[in-house]
Each structure stands twice: as structure tokens, then as C-alpha cells.
Amino acid sequence: MTTDTRTIHTLSVTAPGRPGRAPLTWGQRQVYRDMFRAADGRPYNDVGGALLPPGLDLDTVFDVLVELVRRHESLRTTFGPGPSGGGPVQRVAASGTLHVEVVDLPDLPRDALFSLVMREDQRLMGTRFNLDSELLLRPVVFRHRGTPSGVSLAVPKIVADLSGLRLLVADLVALAEAARDGRAAPAPPVGRQPFDQALFEQSSEGRRVGRSSLRRIRKELEAFPADLFTASAEPMPQRYWRGGITSRALPLAVGALAARHRTSTTVVLLAAAVAVLGHTAGRPDVGLQLISRNRHDLLQRDVVSTVVQNVPATFRVGGSGFSELVRTTWSAAMRAYRGARFDLADMAEAVREVERSRGEAIDLDCYFNDTRADQAPRPEAVRASAERIREAQADTEFQWEEHVEHDALSVFVEVFDQPTHPELMRLCLYVDTARVAPGLARRMLLAVERLLVEAVERDLSPAEVAALAAVEPREDDRHEAEYSGTVPRRGSWRTGGTE
């Protein structure tokens, strides 16, 4: 894309501010910590976007973006150190300047246009925000044949988690449709804004919620396996490797199994992942940190903010057939999610106490996260035959996606939508190569798919689960081809490190 296709516009925003300052919320504290530990020091952002309804001119789109900032306090919130060098605090500004880029797309076929937009999204992911002084939103408006056709929005993760970003994009579309139709803007979402949430968490009721969560977490930590994969080899150059399979069989298999077991596709994926992790590592139990969305509270459900938190969960793997594995996985996950609202400092102290009591360190750097917006079974998956699902395996493709030198994880299983191909699912494994060799990671991903496809045909016995899930190391596991380019992280949520 040539430089003369891009222009930058400066818009002024005024809205009610907040007097004084508040501490960070529990969710914000986790992200604030991890922003400074992101892989290779990269910006810690997320990007979302949507097509605009036809019939809008550029000035109307600018008005919509200004209104978007006015109605969401998190976009006008700044973050910085407290008085006398104390802990970080947040402030809500009454005014600010919004910088909007306008990119004119060439007249190309749809797939080529999408590639250009995704390239812009990757660039936006690298935006460096001044957390203490600017509006924390960076929009790009795409024009095609002279007409605004789409918008991408970049925000730091401290402003909005993935659910919050999706709410922001949905509100953008609702405002744009109202503007096109000449209707009044819809009422802004109702809920507890981050500033108010921080004050709630400091209240007696908020502290009660935190104590209740910590009681659950301490019990979980007492049973949490010390580690999953031990560091047993010299790491590869660029120590942390991330690879993924793109599969047509996976969404069909998990949908069919979720309908059969009356659960979500996330639980089915998690059950298969813990089976492969546990049997490959030779562990009867697997300890993972789940990323809890924490959107069940009505006052937080619709607010553009970051409320996700990592929470530890222990999964029993040894001796389980697939049906039992799904049931116990659901129970363990629900138990963890009920204890997922807590102060980060209290969590860290709980970890230290349990480690002292047990006399060993606990590896809390193993994660699972399903980033998909819709986790219900797709109708075509429920109807799919076992034969059709098995045939779909032939289309599965693997790609090394990313190598980085510095990060804070042992293993991380991630699940992604494919934006332009809803019939596909992307399953990724991000590993510390001192613990998991690249070739082993690649074959573990394929084992998850294989286990799920086989489970559609019959209820697998404990011996069958073990045989399908266990991946044996090979001598050539450290001799993998270089990755062929970075695959967009769009929609990812990764917060690494011990709580």
C-alpha cells in the first residue's frame, strides 16, 4: 500500500470527566503487570473491526467515532503512578484528541482487500499508546471506491478485554446504523464503569467477594500439580514457538460432541487438550490457568472494560474415558470460574503460602483460552456424520506462526475463529521449547484433533483415550522447519506469568 493512500485526521472529544482518581480494578492490575512483560516488549493491544453500513460519508463516520469515545469512559481513562510513587491509578478525562487514519483501498478482489485490512490490523496491534496522556483508542477507517466501508479499532488490553472490544465494535455498528437511518443514537450500555468498579472492589462487599474467591483458589492450589512439562533441554533459538492447525474437522467434531454431552464446545476442546497434555507428559492431573471472562455480573456484562482474570484449575486425566473426562472437566472449570475475581496481590500471597507449605514451586505458567465469540455447537456440526468429520481431517493444515525470544509461559493452548471462514477453527499451541520440543508440540495439536474425531464415532474407554492422547517424543522433534510468517493474533488474550 503506497503512502499517498493514507491521511490522518484529528478530532476533538469532550465529555463528562471524573474528579480525582481511583486505583486500578483487579482485571486492570493483571493487565498492567503483563503489559510490561509482553513477548519481546511488544505493545499489549487488541484489534477489532466491522463493516460499515452503506450510505455513510466520512464526516458522519467521524461523528460516530467521537460519540463512541464520549459514551465509553474506558476510552477516556488514563493510567499512571499514584501520588508519591504509589501504585498505579486511573483518571477519566473530560476531553481529548482522537487521531483517525483513513486508508483508501485499491479496487481489488474481496480476498485481496481482506489481506490488506489484516495487514493494517497487524500494524495497529503494534501501536504504542501513551497510557498516561492520550485517548486510548486508535481507529482506522477504510474507504473503498471513495466510500467508507469498514473500521478497525485498536485499544490497549488495559482498556478492554476481548469481550469488551467486541461490545465496543457492536456499539460502533449500532451508532453507524442509527446515523445512516437518521435515528437517535441508541442508549449507551448500562453497567458499572471501571472507575466505579475499582471503588466497589475496595468496599466491604468487594473485599468479601475477593476473600471468597481466594478461599476457593487456595484449595485449588493445594491440589495443583507442581509442573506439567519440566525444563529438560536447551531452548531453541528464539525460545518460545507458537504453531497452529487450521481445521474443518475440529468445529464439526466439537459441535457434535458438545450436543451429545449437553455442554459447550469450549468444555469439549478443554477436555481433549488436557487429555493430550496429561498423557503426553505422563501426568494423572493437569494444572492450567483458565482465562475467566467474568461477565456473569449484570453490572459488568455490557461494559467496555477489562474484567478477565486468570484462575487456576486442576483436571483429572488418568483413568478417564472420554465421557467422564468431559464431565470432570466441566466441573473443574466451573469451580475455577466461581473463584475468578480477586486482588492480584492476595493471589500472589496465596501462591507463596501454598508453596511454602508444600515445599515446592508451582508452575502457573500453563494456560488455556478459547477466544471465539460463539461457543455453542453449530447446526451443521450437530447434523454431521462421523464419516464426514473424518473426511474433513484431510484438509487440516499446520503452520509455525511465531518465534519470540522472551515470554512468560510453559505451554498455552489457544482457540481462534477464522474471520472469513466460519467453517474453520484454528487451534494453537505456544510452548517454551526448553520444555516442549517444536515437533512434539505440532504432533500434540494433531492428537487433539484425532482424539475428538475418534470420540464422535464411539464413547472412548480410558485405554483408548490414553492411546490416542499420548504423544511420544522423537529424536527429530527439535528439527522443525522455520515458520513461514506471522499469523495474525486477532482476538487473542494472553496474560502470562504467576499471579
Protein backbone atom coordinates (compact mmCIF):
# COMPACT_ATOMS: atom_id res chain seq x y z
CA MET A 1 0.00 0.00 0.00
CA THR A 2 1.58 3.32 -1.04
CA THR A 3 1.99 6.25 1.34
CA ASP A 4 -0.38 8.53 -0.60
CA THR A 5 -3.38 6.31 0.25
CA ARG A 6 -3.38 7.29 3.93
CA THR A 7 -4.47 10.50 5.66
CA ILE A 8 -4.63 11.33 9.37
CA HIS A 9 -7.46 13.40 10.85
CA THR A 10 -7.59 14.99 14.30
CA LEU A 11 -10.92 15.11 16.13
CA SER A 12 -11.73 16.81 19.45
CA VAL A 13 -13.78 14.97 22.06
CA THR A 14 -15.45 16.44 25.14
CA ALA A 15 -17.48 14.50 27.69
CA PRO A 16 -18.11 14.41 31.45
CA GLY A 17 -14.92 13.61 33.31
CA ARG A 18 -14.35 12.32 36.83
CA PRO A 19 -12.89 14.29 39.70
CA GLY A 20 -9.94 12.68 41.41
CA ARG A 21 -8.56 9.24 40.73
CA ALA A 22 -9.22 5.61 41.58
CA PRO A 23 -6.99 2.57 41.95
CA LEU A 24 -6.91 0.02 39.16
CA THR A 25 -9.52 -2.72 39.11
CA TRP A 26 -8.43 -6.30 39.70
CA GLY A 27 -8.60 -7.02 35.99
CA GLN A 28 -6.69 -3.87 35.10
CA ARG A 29 -3.93 -4.71 37.58
CA GLN A 30 -3.33 -8.05 35.96
CA VAL A 31 -3.04 -6.45 32.52
CA TYR A 32 -0.95 -3.51 33.80
CA ARG A 33 1.57 -6.00 35.14
CA ASP A 34 1.60 -8.07 31.97
CA MET A 35 1.89 -5.07 29.64
CA PHE A 36 5.47 -4.76 30.81
CA ARG A 37 6.19 -8.47 30.36
CA ALA A 38 4.69 -8.99 26.91
CA ALA A 39 6.74 -11.05 24.49
CA ASP A 40 9.84 -9.15 23.38
CA GLY A 41 8.42 -5.96 24.88
CA ARG A 42 5.76 -5.62 22.18
CA PRO A 43 2.70 -3.43 22.74
CA TYR A 44 -0.10 -5.26 24.53
CA ASN A 45 -3.11 -4.44 22.38
CA ASP A 46 -6.14 -5.98 20.73
CA VAL A 47 -7.77 -5.04 17.43
CA GLY A 48 -11.36 -5.48 16.30
CA GLY A 49 -13.29 -4.24 13.31
CA ALA A 50 -16.52 -4.30 11.37
CA LEU A 51 -18.04 -3.39 8.03
CA LEU A 52 -19.91 -0.10 7.98
CA PRO A 53 -23.47 0.10 6.69
CA PRO A 54 -23.56 1.58 3.18
CA GLY A 55 -24.56 5.18 2.65
CA LEU A 56 -22.30 6.96 5.18
CA ASP A 57 -19.96 9.80 4.31
CA LEU A 58 -16.63 10.33 6.05
CA ASP A 59 -17.81 13.19 8.28
CA THR A 60 -20.65 11.02 9.61
CA VAL A 61 -18.18 8.24 10.41
CA PHE A 62 -16.05 10.77 12.28
CA ASP A 63 -19.12 11.85 14.28
CA VAL A 64 -19.80 8.21 15.15
CA LEU A 65 -16.22 7.72 16.39
CA VAL A 66 -16.41 10.85 18.54
CA GLU A 67 -19.71 9.67 20.03
CA LEU A 68 -18.14 6.27 20.70
CA VAL A 69 -15.43 7.90 22.82
CA ARG A 70 -17.94 10.11 24.61
CA ARG A 71 -20.10 7.21 25.79
CA HIS A 72 -17.37 4.81 26.95
CA GLU A 73 -15.36 6.08 29.90
CA SER A 74 -12.67 3.45 29.44
CA LEU A 75 -11.61 5.16 26.18
CA ARG A 76 -11.04 8.41 28.08
CA THR A 77 -9.24 6.80 31.01
CA THR A 78 -5.53 7.30 31.56
CA PHE A 79 -3.21 5.26 33.76
CA GLY A 80 -0.12 6.25 35.69
CA PRO A 81 1.70 6.06 39.00
CA GLY A 82 -0.12 7.22 42.11
CA PRO A 83 0.97 10.03 44.43
CA SER A 84 4.45 9.72 45.94
CA GLY A 85 5.28 6.87 43.57
CA GLY A 86 2.46 4.67 44.86
CA GLY A 87 0.59 2.00 42.95
CA PRO A 88 -0.92 2.85 39.55
CA VAL A 89 -4.15 4.83 39.42
CA GLN A 90 -6.74 5.68 36.77
CA ARG A 91 -8.28 9.01 35.84
CA VAL A 92 -11.17 9.81 33.49
CA ALA A 93 -10.53 12.83 31.27
CA ALA A 94 -13.21 15.32 30.21
CA SER A 95 -11.61 15.99 26.84
CA GLY A 96 -9.04 14.68 24.44
CA THR A 97 -7.84 14.42 20.87
CA LEU A 98 -8.67 11.44 18.70
CA HIS A 99 -6.37 10.64 15.78
CA VAL A 100 -8.14 8.78 12.98
CA GLU A 101 -6.38 7.29 9.98
CA VAL A 102 -8.24 6.99 6.70
CA VAL A 103 -6.93 4.37 4.28
CA ASP A 104 -8.11 4.25 0.67
CA LEU A 105 -8.21 0.66 -0.51
CA PRO A 106 -7.44 -0.16 -4.15
CA ASP A 107 -10.06 -1.76 -6.35
CA LEU A 108 -9.13 -5.42 -5.83
CA PRO A 109 -10.99 -8.72 -5.34
CA ARG A 110 -12.51 -9.40 -1.93
CA ASP A 111 -9.78 -11.76 -0.67
CA ALA A 112 -7.03 -9.32 -1.66
CA LEU A 113 -8.84 -6.48 0.13
CA PHE A 114 -9.20 -8.60 3.24
CA SER A 115 -5.45 -9.30 3.18
CA LEU A 116 -4.76 -5.57 3.09
CA VAL A 117 -7.12 -4.94 6.01
CA MET A 118 -5.49 -7.73 8.04
CA ARG A 119 -2.09 -6.19 7.33
CA GLU A 120 -3.38 -2.91 8.69
CA ASP A 121 -4.74 -4.72 11.75
CA GLN A 122 -1.32 -6.23 12.40
CA ARG A 123 0.21 -2.78 12.18
CA LEU A 124 -2.41 -1.47 14.61
CA MET A 125 -1.53 -4.28 17.04
CA GLY A 126 1.89 -2.65 17.28
CA THR A 127 0.51 0.77 18.25
CA ARG A 128 2.34 2.31 21.19
CA PHE A 129 -0.07 4.24 23.38
CA ASN A 130 0.88 6.81 25.99
CA LEU A 131 -1.19 5.36 28.81
CA ASP A 132 -0.94 8.47 30.96
CA SER A 133 -1.80 11.19 28.46
CA GLU A 134 -3.87 10.23 25.39
CA LEU A 135 -7.21 8.81 24.39
CA LEU A 136 -6.65 5.06 24.34
CA LEU A 137 -8.30 4.31 21.01
CA ARG A 138 -6.76 4.26 17.55
CA PRO A 139 -9.28 3.92 14.69
CA VAL A 140 -8.59 3.25 11.02
CA VAL A 141 -11.39 3.98 8.55
CA PHE A 142 -11.21 2.08 5.27
CA ARG A 143 -12.60 3.66 2.11
CA HIS A 144 -13.32 1.60 -0.97
CA ARG A 145 -14.25 3.35 -4.21
CA GLY A 146 -14.45 6.60 -2.26
CA THR A 147 -16.99 5.36 0.32
CA PRO A 148 -16.29 4.45 3.96
CA SER A 149 -16.69 0.68 4.10
CA GLY A 150 -15.14 -0.50 7.36
CA VAL A 151 -13.41 0.47 10.59
CA SER A 152 -10.71 -1.20 12.67
CA LEU A 153 -10.20 -0.20 16.30
CA ALA A 154 -7.03 -0.72 18.33
CA VAL A 155 -7.09 -0.46 22.13
CA PRO A 156 -4.62 -1.46 24.84
CA LYS A 157 -5.77 -4.56 26.69
CA ILE A 158 -5.97 -2.50 29.88
CA VAL A 159 -8.87 -0.58 28.27
CA ALA A 160 -10.90 -3.55 27.04
CA ASP A 161 -10.60 -7.32 27.12
CA LEU A 162 -11.77 -9.31 24.12
CA SER A 163 -15.43 -9.28 25.22
CA GLY A 164 -15.17 -5.56 25.89
CA LEU A 165 -13.67 -4.96 22.47
CA ARG A 166 -16.49 -6.90 20.84
CA LEU A 167 -19.00 -4.77 22.74
CA LEU A 168 -17.21 -1.65 21.51
CA VAL A 169 -17.33 -2.80 17.89
CA ALA A 170 -21.01 -3.72 18.21
CA ASP A 171 -21.77 -0.27 19.62
CA LEU A 172 -19.88 1.33 16.73
CA VAL A 173 -22.06 -0.55 14.25
CA ALA A 174 -25.26 0.37 16.13
CA LEU A 175 -24.29 4.06 16.11
CA ALA A 176 -23.41 3.91 12.41
CA GLU A 177 -26.74 2.29 11.52
CA ALA A 178 -28.66 4.88 13.52
CA ALA A 179 -26.76 7.67 11.78
CA ARG A 180 -27.49 6.20 8.36
CA ASP A 181 -31.20 5.87 9.14
CA GLY A 182 -31.49 9.31 10.72
CA ARG A 183 -32.47 7.80 14.06
CA ALA A 184 -31.36 8.92 17.51
CA ALA A 185 -28.34 7.07 18.82
CA PRO A 186 -29.21 4.01 20.93
CA ALA A 187 -28.83 4.41 24.67
CA PRO A 188 -25.32 3.59 25.88
CA PRO A 189 -24.84 0.24 27.64
CA VAL A 190 -25.65 0.29 31.35
CA GLY A 191 -23.22 -1.03 33.91
CA ARG A 192 -20.50 -0.30 36.43
CA GLN A 193 -17.74 1.68 34.76
CA PRO A 194 -14.10 0.76 35.56
CA PHE A 195 -13.70 3.79 37.84
CA ASP A 196 -16.73 2.69 39.87
CA GLN A 197 -15.68 -0.96 39.73
CA ALA A 198 -12.35 -0.06 41.32
CA LEU A 199 -14.14 1.70 44.17
CA PHE A 200 -16.52 -1.27 44.58
CA GLU A 201 -13.58 -3.66 44.89
CA GLN A 202 -12.21 -1.54 47.72
CA SER A 203 -15.56 -1.61 49.55
CA SER A 204 -16.54 -4.12 52.22
CA GLU A 205 -18.72 -6.03 49.72
CA GLY A 206 -15.92 -6.07 47.15
CA ARG A 207 -13.43 -7.35 49.70
CA ARG A 208 -15.93 -10.08 50.65
CA VAL A 209 -16.06 -11.19 47.00
CA GLY A 210 -12.28 -11.26 46.86
CA ARG A 211 -11.95 -13.28 50.07
CA SER A 212 -14.48 -15.82 48.82
CA SER A 213 -12.51 -16.26 45.58
CA LEU A 214 -9.23 -16.65 47.44
CA ARG A 215 -10.66 -19.40 49.65
CA ARG A 216 -11.54 -21.37 46.51
CA ILE A 217 -8.18 -20.64 44.91
CA ARG A 218 -6.19 -21.77 47.96
CA LYS A 219 -7.98 -25.14 47.86
CA GLU A 220 -7.21 -25.40 44.17
CA LEU A 221 -3.55 -24.54 44.70
CA GLU A 222 -3.17 -27.19 47.38
CA ALA A 223 -4.04 -29.85 44.77
CA PHE A 224 -2.46 -28.10 41.78
CA PRO A 225 0.32 -30.19 40.13
CA ALA A 226 3.76 -28.74 40.70
CA ASP A 227 4.52 -28.77 36.98
CA LEU A 228 3.42 -30.26 33.70
CA PHE A 229 6.48 -30.34 31.45
CA THR A 230 9.81 -29.82 33.20
CA ALA A 231 12.61 -27.82 31.59
CA SER A 232 14.86 -30.61 30.33
CA ALA A 233 16.61 -29.32 27.21
CA GLU A 234 18.42 -26.33 25.83
CA PRO A 235 15.82 -23.98 24.36
CA MET A 236 15.65 -23.42 20.63
CA PRO A 237 16.89 -20.17 19.13
CA GLN A 238 14.00 -17.78 19.70
CA ARG A 239 12.92 -19.79 22.72
CA TYR A 240 9.11 -19.56 22.53
CA TRP A 241 7.42 -21.11 19.49
CA ARG A 242 3.79 -20.86 18.50
CA GLY A 243 2.18 -23.08 15.89
CA GLY A 244 -1.37 -23.89 14.90
CA ILE A 245 -3.60 -26.15 12.90
CA THR A 246 -6.44 -24.80 10.79
CA SER A 247 -9.11 -27.46 10.71
CA ARG A 248 -12.51 -28.10 9.19
CA ALA A 249 -12.89 -31.28 11.24
CA LEU A 250 -12.47 -29.61 14.65
CA PRO A 251 -15.60 -27.39 14.64
CA LEU A 252 -17.65 -30.31 13.36
CA ALA A 253 -16.32 -32.76 15.95
CA VAL A 254 -16.57 -30.43 18.96
CA GLY A 255 -20.05 -29.34 17.91
CA ALA A 256 -21.28 -32.92 17.62
CA LEU A 257 -19.73 -33.86 20.96
CA ALA A 258 -20.99 -30.74 22.75
CA ALA A 259 -24.54 -31.50 21.61
CA ARG A 260 -24.18 -35.13 22.69
CA HIS A 261 -22.84 -34.22 26.15
CA ARG A 262 -25.07 -31.13 26.53
CA THR A 263 -22.19 -28.80 27.20
CA SER A 264 -20.27 -26.07 25.40
CA THR A 265 -17.74 -26.64 22.66
CA THR A 266 -15.16 -24.99 24.93
CA VAL A 267 -15.53 -27.73 27.54
CA VAL A 268 -15.10 -30.40 24.85
CA LEU A 269 -11.96 -28.72 23.50
CA LEU A 270 -10.58 -28.26 27.00
CA ALA A 271 -11.22 -31.93 27.84
CA ALA A 272 -9.35 -33.09 24.74
CA ALA A 273 -6.49 -30.65 25.37
CA VAL A 274 -5.96 -31.75 28.98
CA ALA A 275 -6.05 -35.40 27.87
CA VAL A 276 -3.27 -34.82 25.35
CA LEU A 277 -1.24 -32.66 27.73
CA GLY A 278 -1.59 -35.09 30.62
CA HIS A 279 -0.99 -38.33 28.75
CA THR A 280 1.92 -36.87 26.78
CA ALA A 281 3.54 -35.53 29.94
CA GLY A 282 2.76 -38.73 31.84
CA ARG A 283 0.76 -36.86 34.49
CA PRO A 284 -2.52 -38.10 36.03
CA ASP A 285 -3.55 -34.49 36.73
CA VAL A 286 -3.10 -31.35 34.67
CA GLY A 287 -2.97 -27.85 36.13
CA LEU A 288 -3.92 -24.96 33.85
CA GLN A 289 -4.83 -21.35 34.27
CA LEU A 290 -8.12 -20.54 32.60
CA ILE A 291 -8.91 -17.04 31.40
CA SER A 292 -12.25 -16.25 33.02
CA ARG A 293 -14.39 -13.70 31.17
CA ASN A 294 -16.11 -12.60 34.42
CA ARG A 295 -19.12 -11.26 32.54
CA HIS A 296 -21.80 -13.04 34.58
CA ASP A 297 -22.30 -9.98 36.82
CA LEU A 298 -25.08 -7.88 35.27
CA LEU A 299 -23.22 -4.69 36.18
CA GLN A 300 -20.17 -5.80 34.18
CA ARG A 301 -21.75 -7.79 31.37
CA ASP A 302 -22.13 -4.92 28.86
CA VAL A 303 -19.36 -2.51 29.91
CA VAL A 304 -16.39 -1.81 27.66
CA SER A 305 -13.63 -2.66 30.10
CA THR A 306 -11.17 -5.37 31.03
CA VAL A 307 -12.55 -7.77 33.62
CA VAL A 308 -10.91 -11.08 32.66
CA GLN A 309 -8.65 -12.75 35.17
CA ASN A 310 -6.51 -15.88 35.16
CA VAL A 311 -7.67 -18.56 37.56
CA PRO A 312 -6.03 -21.95 38.29
CA ALA A 313 -7.90 -25.21 37.72
CA THR A 314 -6.85 -28.84 38.22
CA PHE A 315 -8.12 -31.51 35.82
CA ARG A 316 -8.12 -35.25 36.46
CA VAL A 317 -6.89 -37.12 33.39
CA GLY A 318 -5.66 -40.57 34.42
CA GLY A 319 -8.12 -43.45 34.15
CA SER A 320 -10.89 -41.44 32.48
CA GLY A 321 -12.91 -42.39 29.42
CA PHE A 322 -13.99 -39.52 27.20
CA SER A 323 -17.47 -39.06 28.66
CA GLU A 324 -16.12 -38.98 32.20
CA LEU A 325 -13.36 -36.62 31.10
CA VAL A 326 -15.93 -34.17 29.72
CA ARG A 327 -17.96 -34.29 32.95
CA THR A 328 -14.98 -33.78 35.25
CA THR A 329 -13.57 -31.06 33.01
CA TRP A 330 -16.85 -29.15 33.19
CA SER A 331 -16.92 -29.46 37.00
CA ALA A 332 -13.32 -28.30 37.40
CA ALA A 333 -13.79 -25.36 35.05
CA MET A 334 -17.00 -24.19 36.73
CA ARG A 335 -15.35 -24.47 40.15
CA ALA A 336 -12.49 -22.28 38.94
CA TYR A 337 -14.73 -19.68 37.32
CA ARG A 338 -16.62 -19.21 40.60
CA GLY A 339 -13.38 -18.01 42.18
CA ALA A 340 -12.11 -15.72 39.43
CA ARG A 341 -12.50 -12.25 40.99
CA PHE A 342 -9.67 -11.36 43.32
CA ASP A 343 -6.87 -8.94 44.08
CA LEU A 344 -3.63 -9.85 42.32
CA ALA A 345 -1.52 -9.18 45.43
CA ASP A 346 -3.71 -11.50 47.52
CA MET A 347 -3.37 -14.20 44.87
CA ALA A 348 0.42 -13.86 44.87
CA GLU A 349 0.50 -14.19 48.65
CA ALA A 350 -1.72 -17.29 48.48
CA VAL A 351 0.70 -18.87 45.99
CA ARG A 352 3.66 -18.12 48.26
CA GLU A 353 1.86 -19.59 51.28
CA VAL A 354 0.94 -22.81 49.46
CA GLU A 355 4.42 -23.19 48.01
CA ARG A 356 5.96 -22.80 51.47
CA SER A 357 3.52 -25.34 52.88
CA ARG A 358 4.18 -27.85 50.09
CA GLY A 359 7.90 -27.22 49.97
CA GLU A 360 7.91 -26.87 46.18
CA ALA A 361 7.31 -24.30 43.47
CA ILE A 362 4.09 -24.44 41.44
CA ASP A 363 4.21 -23.82 37.70
CA LEU A 364 1.30 -21.49 36.99
CA ASP A 365 2.52 -20.68 33.50
CA CYS A 366 0.31 -23.21 31.66
CA TYR A 367 -2.84 -21.76 30.08
CA PHE A 368 -5.95 -22.49 28.05
CA ASN A 369 -8.05 -19.84 26.34
CA ASP A 370 -10.94 -20.13 23.90
CA THR A 371 -11.21 -16.71 22.26
CA ARG A 372 -14.16 -17.49 19.99
CA ALA A 373 -17.21 -15.25 20.23
CA ASP A 374 -19.73 -18.10 19.88
CA GLN A 375 -19.07 -21.33 21.75
CA ALA A 376 -22.38 -23.07 21.01
CA PRO A 377 -22.44 -26.05 18.62
CA ARG A 378 -23.07 -25.02 15.00
CA PRO A 379 -26.19 -26.67 13.48
CA GLU A 380 -24.18 -28.27 10.67
CA ALA A 381 -21.88 -29.85 13.27
CA VAL A 382 -24.79 -31.39 15.16
CA ARG A 383 -26.03 -32.93 11.91
CA ALA A 384 -22.60 -34.04 10.63
CA SER A 385 -21.92 -37.75 10.34
CA ALA A 386 -18.79 -39.34 11.78
CA GLU A 387 -17.73 -40.20 8.24
CA ARG A 388 -17.99 -36.58 7.08
CA ILE A 389 -15.99 -35.39 10.08
CA ARG A 390 -13.26 -37.96 9.46
CA GLU A 391 -13.05 -36.96 5.79
CA ALA A 392 -12.63 -33.31 6.83
CA GLN A 393 -9.38 -34.20 8.61
CA ALA A 394 -7.70 -34.48 5.22
CA ASP A 395 -7.93 -30.67 4.88
CA THR A 396 -6.16 -29.88 8.17
CA GLU A 397 -3.09 -27.68 7.76
CA PHE A 398 -0.32 -26.88 10.24
CA GLN A 399 1.84 -23.76 10.29
CA TRP A 400 4.51 -22.39 12.57
CA GLU A 401 3.26 -18.90 13.29
CA GLU A 402 5.64 -17.12 15.61
CA HIS A 403 9.01 -17.34 17.34
CA VAL A 404 9.99 -14.93 20.15
CA GLU A 405 12.95 -14.73 22.47
CA HIS A 406 11.26 -13.66 25.71
CA ASP A 407 7.92 -14.58 27.28
CA ALA A 408 6.45 -15.98 30.49
CA LEU A 409 4.81 -19.33 29.83
CA SER A 410 5.37 -23.08 29.72
CA VAL A 411 2.50 -24.08 27.42
CA PHE A 412 -0.53 -22.20 26.17
CA VAL A 413 -3.44 -23.74 24.25
CA GLU A 414 -5.42 -21.14 22.27
CA VAL A 415 -8.57 -21.48 20.15
CA PHE A 416 -9.49 -18.97 17.43
CA ASP A 417 -12.24 -18.22 14.94
CA GLN A 418 -11.30 -17.77 11.30
CA PRO A 419 -12.96 -14.42 10.43
CA THR A 420 -13.66 -15.10 6.75
CA HIS A 421 -14.15 -18.87 7.01
CA PRO A 422 -16.65 -19.72 9.79
CA GLU A 423 -16.43 -23.40 8.87
CA LEU A 424 -12.81 -23.48 10.11
CA MET A 425 -11.23 -23.41 13.55
CA ARG A 426 -7.64 -22.60 14.47
CA LEU A 427 -6.10 -24.45 17.41
CA CYS A 428 -2.70 -23.20 18.54
CA LEU A 429 -0.04 -24.34 20.96
CA TYR A 430 2.52 -21.85 22.23
CA VAL A 431 5.43 -23.52 24.05
CA ASP A 432 8.67 -22.94 25.88
CA THR A 433 10.99 -25.10 23.77
CA ALA A 434 13.09 -25.90 26.84
CA ARG A 435 10.04 -27.89 27.99
CA VAL A 436 8.27 -28.96 24.80
CA ALA A 437 10.19 -29.52 21.57
CA PRO A 438 8.60 -27.97 18.48
CA GLY A 439 7.91 -31.29 16.75
CA LEU A 440 6.21 -32.64 19.86
CA ALA A 441 4.01 -29.52 20.03
CA ARG A 442 2.96 -29.95 16.40
CA ARG A 443 2.00 -33.60 16.90
CA MET A 444 0.13 -32.78 20.13
CA LEU A 445 -2.15 -30.42 18.20
CA LEU A 446 -2.89 -33.14 15.68
CA ALA A 447 -3.53 -35.56 18.56
CA VAL A 448 -6.22 -33.24 19.97
CA GLU A 449 -7.98 -33.30 16.60
CA ARG A 450 -7.56 -37.07 16.27
CA LEU A 451 -8.95 -37.71 19.76
CA LEU A 452 -12.03 -35.58 19.09
CA VAL A 453 -12.73 -37.17 15.71
CA GLU A 454 -12.50 -40.66 17.20
CA ALA A 455 -14.74 -39.64 20.14
CA VAL A 456 -17.53 -38.75 17.69
CA GLU A 457 -17.68 -42.35 16.45
CA ARG A 458 -17.84 -44.03 19.87
CA ASP A 459 -17.53 -43.34 23.57
CA LEU A 460 -13.82 -43.87 24.13
CA SER A 461 -12.68 -46.05 27.03
CA PRO A 462 -9.88 -44.94 29.38
CA ALA A 463 -7.41 -47.14 27.49
CA GLU A 464 -8.49 -45.68 24.14
CA VAL A 465 -8.21 -42.10 25.41
CA ALA A 466 -4.71 -42.83 26.71
CA ALA A 467 -3.62 -44.47 23.46
CA LEU A 468 -4.95 -41.64 21.28
CA ALA A 469 -3.82 -38.77 23.52
CA ALA A 470 -0.27 -39.84 24.42
CA VAL A 471 2.31 -38.40 22.01
CA GLU A 472 5.76 -39.94 22.26
CA PRO A 473 8.83 -37.70 21.87
CA ARG A 474 11.04 -38.26 18.83
CA GLU A 475 14.70 -37.59 18.24
CA ASP A 476 13.88 -35.22 15.39
CA ASP A 477 11.39 -33.10 17.39
CA ARG A 478 13.90 -30.26 17.54
CA HIS A 479 14.43 -30.18 13.77
CA GLU A 480 11.35 -28.30 12.59
CA ALA A 481 11.14 -26.07 9.53
CA GLU A 482 11.19 -22.34 10.10
CA TYR A 483 7.80 -20.66 10.35
CA SER A 484 6.53 -19.12 7.14
CA GLY A 485 5.29 -15.85 8.59
CA THR A 486 3.33 -14.44 11.48
CA VAL A 487 -0.35 -15.38 11.54
CA PRO A 488 -2.50 -12.56 12.98
CA ARG A 489 -3.18 -12.82 16.70
CA ARG A 490 -6.52 -11.08 16.18
CA GLY A 491 -8.77 -11.90 19.10
CA SER A 492 -6.08 -13.43 21.30
CA TRP A 493 -5.87 -12.93 25.03
CA ARG A 494 -2.69 -13.95 26.74
CA THR A 495 -1.62 -12.86 30.18
CA GLY A 496 1.44 -14.82 31.15
CA GLY A 497 3.11 -15.33 34.48
CA THR A 498 2.42 -16.29 38.06
CA GLU A 499 -0.41 -14.40 39.73
